[in-house]
Amino acid sequence: MANLSSTLCWHCVNAVPTKEGDGCSWSRKLEPVKGWRADKRTILYDTVEKVSYLVHWCPQYRKDQRDGGVG
């Protein structure tokens, strides 16, 4: 199982679509963001293997000021 604790998405305002923001293609439809730099990973979620990504850079990244995000 991959360690996703450092994925850029967890510190991005686009990580979750809200009424204030549209999110991104990953948070809306689980489609990789065009142009991002990420490593594809398989993670175990509730005993089922799922495809995910460890994102290192994303053109849609916007730092979430609420959590003192990275970057």
N, C-alpha and C. Protein backbone atom coordinates (compact mmCIF):
# COMPACT_ATOMS: atom_id res chain seq x y z
N MET A 1 0.85 -1.18 0.00
CA MET A 1 0.00 0.00 0.00
C MET A 1 0.89 1.24 0.00
N ALA A 2 0.58 2.22 -0.83
CA ALA A 2 1.37 3.43 -0.94
C ALA A 2 1.08 4.39 0.20
N ASN A 3 2.09 5.16 0.56
CA ASN A 3 1.93 6.21 1.55
C ASN A 3 1.59 7.49 0.81
N LEU A 4 0.37 8.00 0.97
CA LEU A 4 -0.05 9.19 0.26
C LEU A 4 -0.07 10.43 1.16
N SER A 5 0.61 10.37 2.28
CA SER A 5 0.54 11.47 3.23
C SER A 5 1.13 12.75 2.71
N SER A 6 1.96 12.69 1.67
CA SER A 6 2.58 13.91 1.17
C SER A 6 2.04 14.36 -0.18
N THR A 7 0.92 13.81 -0.61
CA THR A 7 0.39 14.23 -1.90
C THR A 7 -0.05 15.69 -1.84
N LEU A 8 0.29 16.44 -2.85
CA LEU A 8 0.01 17.87 -2.92
C LEU A 8 -1.48 18.17 -2.77
N CYS A 9 -2.31 17.29 -3.26
CA CYS A 9 -3.76 17.51 -3.24
C CYS A 9 -4.32 17.74 -1.84
N TRP A 10 -3.72 17.13 -0.84
CA TRP A 10 -4.26 17.23 0.50
C TRP A 10 -4.12 18.63 1.08
N HIS A 11 -3.41 19.50 0.38
CA HIS A 11 -3.20 20.87 0.84
C HIS A 11 -3.73 21.89 -0.17
N CYS A 12 -4.62 21.45 -1.05
CA CYS A 12 -5.11 22.28 -2.15
C CYS A 12 -6.59 22.60 -1.98
N VAL A 13 -6.96 23.85 -2.27
CA VAL A 13 -8.38 24.23 -2.18
C VAL A 13 -9.23 23.52 -3.22
N ASN A 14 -8.62 23.00 -4.28
CA ASN A 14 -9.37 22.28 -5.30
C ASN A 14 -9.59 20.81 -4.98
N ALA A 15 -9.12 20.36 -3.84
CA ALA A 15 -9.21 18.94 -3.49
C ALA A 15 -10.65 18.47 -3.32
N VAL A 16 -11.54 19.38 -2.93
CA VAL A 16 -12.94 19.02 -2.72
C VAL A 16 -13.80 20.09 -3.39
N PRO A 17 -14.62 19.70 -4.35
CA PRO A 17 -15.51 20.68 -4.98
C PRO A 17 -16.49 21.24 -3.94
N THR A 18 -16.65 22.55 -3.93
CA THR A 18 -17.57 23.22 -3.01
C THR A 18 -18.35 24.27 -3.77
N LYS A 19 -19.26 24.93 -3.09
CA LYS A 19 -20.00 26.01 -3.76
C LYS A 19 -19.09 27.20 -4.08
N GLU A 20 -17.94 27.32 -3.37
CA GLU A 20 -17.00 28.39 -3.65
C GLU A 20 -16.01 28.05 -4.76
N GLY A 21 -15.83 26.77 -5.05
CA GLY A 21 -14.85 26.36 -6.05
C GLY A 21 -15.27 25.10 -6.75
N ASP A 22 -14.80 24.96 -7.97
CA ASP A 22 -15.21 23.84 -8.80
C ASP A 22 -14.40 22.58 -8.59
N GLY A 23 -13.34 22.65 -7.80
CA GLY A 23 -12.48 21.49 -7.66
C GLY A 23 -11.61 21.34 -8.90
N CYS A 24 -11.19 20.13 -9.17
CA CYS A 24 -10.38 19.83 -10.35
C CYS A 24 -10.91 18.54 -10.98
N SER A 25 -10.32 18.13 -12.09
CA SER A 25 -10.80 16.91 -12.76
C SER A 25 -10.63 15.67 -11.88
N TRP A 26 -9.61 15.67 -11.02
CA TRP A 26 -9.41 14.54 -10.12
C TRP A 26 -10.48 14.51 -9.03
N SER A 27 -10.74 15.66 -8.40
CA SER A 27 -11.71 15.67 -7.30
C SER A 27 -13.15 15.53 -7.79
N ARG A 28 -13.41 15.92 -9.03
CA ARG A 28 -14.77 15.81 -9.57
C ARG A 28 -15.05 14.44 -10.20
N LYS A 29 -14.08 13.94 -11.01
CA LYS A 29 -14.37 12.74 -11.81
C LYS A 29 -13.30 11.65 -11.71
N LEU A 30 -12.33 11.83 -10.82
CA LEU A 30 -11.22 10.90 -10.68
C LEU A 30 -10.45 10.73 -11.98
N GLU A 31 -10.34 11.82 -12.75
CA GLU A 31 -9.54 11.84 -13.96
C GLU A 31 -8.28 12.66 -13.67
N PRO A 32 -7.10 12.14 -13.99
CA PRO A 32 -5.87 12.89 -13.74
C PRO A 32 -5.92 14.30 -14.35
N VAL A 33 -5.33 15.24 -13.66
CA VAL A 33 -5.27 16.62 -14.14
C VAL A 33 -4.23 16.70 -15.26
N LYS A 34 -4.62 17.29 -16.37
CA LYS A 34 -3.71 17.42 -17.50
C LYS A 34 -2.49 18.25 -17.09
N GLY A 35 -1.31 17.68 -17.30
CA GLY A 35 -0.07 18.39 -17.02
C GLY A 35 0.51 18.18 -15.64
N TRP A 36 -0.21 17.46 -14.76
CA TRP A 36 0.38 17.28 -13.42
C TRP A 36 1.54 16.30 -13.46
N ARG A 37 2.42 16.39 -12.48
CA ARG A 37 3.49 15.42 -12.30
C ARG A 37 3.10 14.58 -11.09
N ALA A 38 2.88 13.30 -11.36
CA ALA A 38 2.38 12.42 -10.31
C ALA A 38 2.83 10.99 -10.58
N ASP A 39 2.95 10.24 -9.50
CA ASP A 39 3.25 8.82 -9.59
C ASP A 39 1.97 8.03 -9.34
N LYS A 40 1.66 7.15 -10.28
CA LYS A 40 0.48 6.30 -10.13
C LYS A 40 0.73 5.28 -9.04
N ARG A 41 -0.25 5.06 -8.19
CA ARG A 41 -0.13 4.14 -7.07
C ARG A 41 -1.38 3.27 -6.99
N THR A 42 -1.22 2.11 -6.41
CA THR A 42 -2.34 1.27 -6.04
C THR A 42 -2.45 1.31 -4.53
N ILE A 43 -3.62 1.66 -4.04
CA ILE A 43 -3.82 1.73 -2.59
C ILE A 43 -4.91 0.74 -2.19
N LEU A 44 -4.88 0.33 -0.95
CA LEU A 44 -5.89 -0.57 -0.42
C LEU A 44 -6.91 0.26 0.35
N TYR A 45 -8.14 0.22 -0.11
CA TYR A 45 -9.21 0.98 0.52
C TYR A 45 -10.35 0.03 0.83
N ASP A 46 -10.60 -0.19 2.11
CA ASP A 46 -11.69 -1.06 2.55
C ASP A 46 -11.59 -2.43 1.87
N THR A 47 -10.40 -3.01 1.89
CA THR A 47 -10.05 -4.33 1.34
C THR A 47 -10.12 -4.40 -0.20
N VAL A 48 -10.26 -3.26 -0.87
CA VAL A 48 -10.30 -3.23 -2.33
C VAL A 48 -9.14 -2.39 -2.83
N GLU A 49 -8.42 -2.89 -3.84
CA GLU A 49 -7.33 -2.11 -4.42
C GLU A 49 -7.90 -1.05 -5.35
N LYS A 50 -7.42 0.18 -5.20
CA LYS A 50 -7.86 1.32 -6.00
C LYS A 50 -6.64 2.01 -6.60
N VAL A 51 -6.82 2.64 -7.76
CA VAL A 51 -5.76 3.42 -8.38
C VAL A 51 -5.83 4.84 -7.82
N SER A 52 -4.68 5.36 -7.45
CA SER A 52 -4.59 6.74 -6.99
C SER A 52 -3.28 7.32 -7.49
N TYR A 53 -2.97 8.53 -7.07
CA TYR A 53 -1.76 9.20 -7.51
C TYR A 53 -1.12 9.94 -6.36
N LEU A 54 0.20 9.95 -6.36
CA LEU A 54 0.98 10.77 -5.45
C LEU A 54 1.40 11.99 -6.27
N VAL A 55 0.74 13.12 -6.06
CA VAL A 55 0.93 14.30 -6.89
C VAL A 55 2.07 15.15 -6.33
N HIS A 56 3.02 15.47 -7.21
CA HIS A 56 4.18 16.28 -6.83
C HIS A 56 4.05 17.73 -7.30
N TRP A 57 3.38 17.93 -8.45
CA TRP A 57 3.16 19.26 -9.00
C TRP A 57 1.88 19.23 -9.81
N CYS A 58 1.10 20.31 -9.74
CA CYS A 58 -0.16 20.36 -10.46
C CYS A 58 -0.41 21.79 -10.93
N PRO A 59 -0.81 21.98 -12.20
CA PRO A 59 -1.08 23.32 -12.70
C PRO A 59 -2.31 23.97 -12.05
N GLN A 60 -3.16 23.18 -11.41
CA GLN A 60 -4.36 23.72 -10.78
C GLN A 60 -4.22 23.85 -9.27
N TYR A 61 -3.01 23.58 -8.75
CA TYR A 61 -2.80 23.66 -7.30
C TYR A 61 -2.98 25.09 -6.80
N ARG A 62 -3.77 25.24 -5.77
CA ARG A 62 -3.92 26.50 -5.06
C ARG A 62 -3.83 26.20 -3.57
N LYS A 63 -2.86 26.76 -2.92
CA LYS A 63 -2.61 26.49 -1.51
C LYS A 63 -3.84 26.80 -0.66
N ASP A 64 -4.21 25.86 0.19
CA ASP A 64 -5.32 26.04 1.12
C ASP A 64 -4.78 26.75 2.34
N GLN A 65 -5.16 27.99 2.52
CA GLN A 65 -4.65 28.80 3.63
C GLN A 65 -5.17 28.32 4.99
N ARG A 66 -6.25 27.56 5.01
CA ARG A 66 -6.82 27.11 6.28
C ARG A 66 -5.94 26.09 7.00
N ASP A 67 -5.14 25.31 6.26
CA ASP A 67 -4.35 24.30 6.94
C ASP A 67 -2.84 24.60 6.88
N GLY A 68 -2.48 25.78 6.40
CA GLY A 68 -1.06 26.10 6.29
C GLY A 68 -0.37 25.19 5.30
N GLY A 69 -1.08 24.81 4.25
CA GLY A 69 -0.62 23.84 3.26
C GLY A 69 0.79 24.05 2.75
N VAL A 70 1.29 23.06 2.07
CA VAL A 70 2.65 23.07 1.52
C VAL A 70 2.68 23.85 0.23
N GLY A 71 3.88 24.18 -0.21
CA GLY A 71 4.03 24.78 -1.53
C GLY A 71 3.92 26.23 -1.54
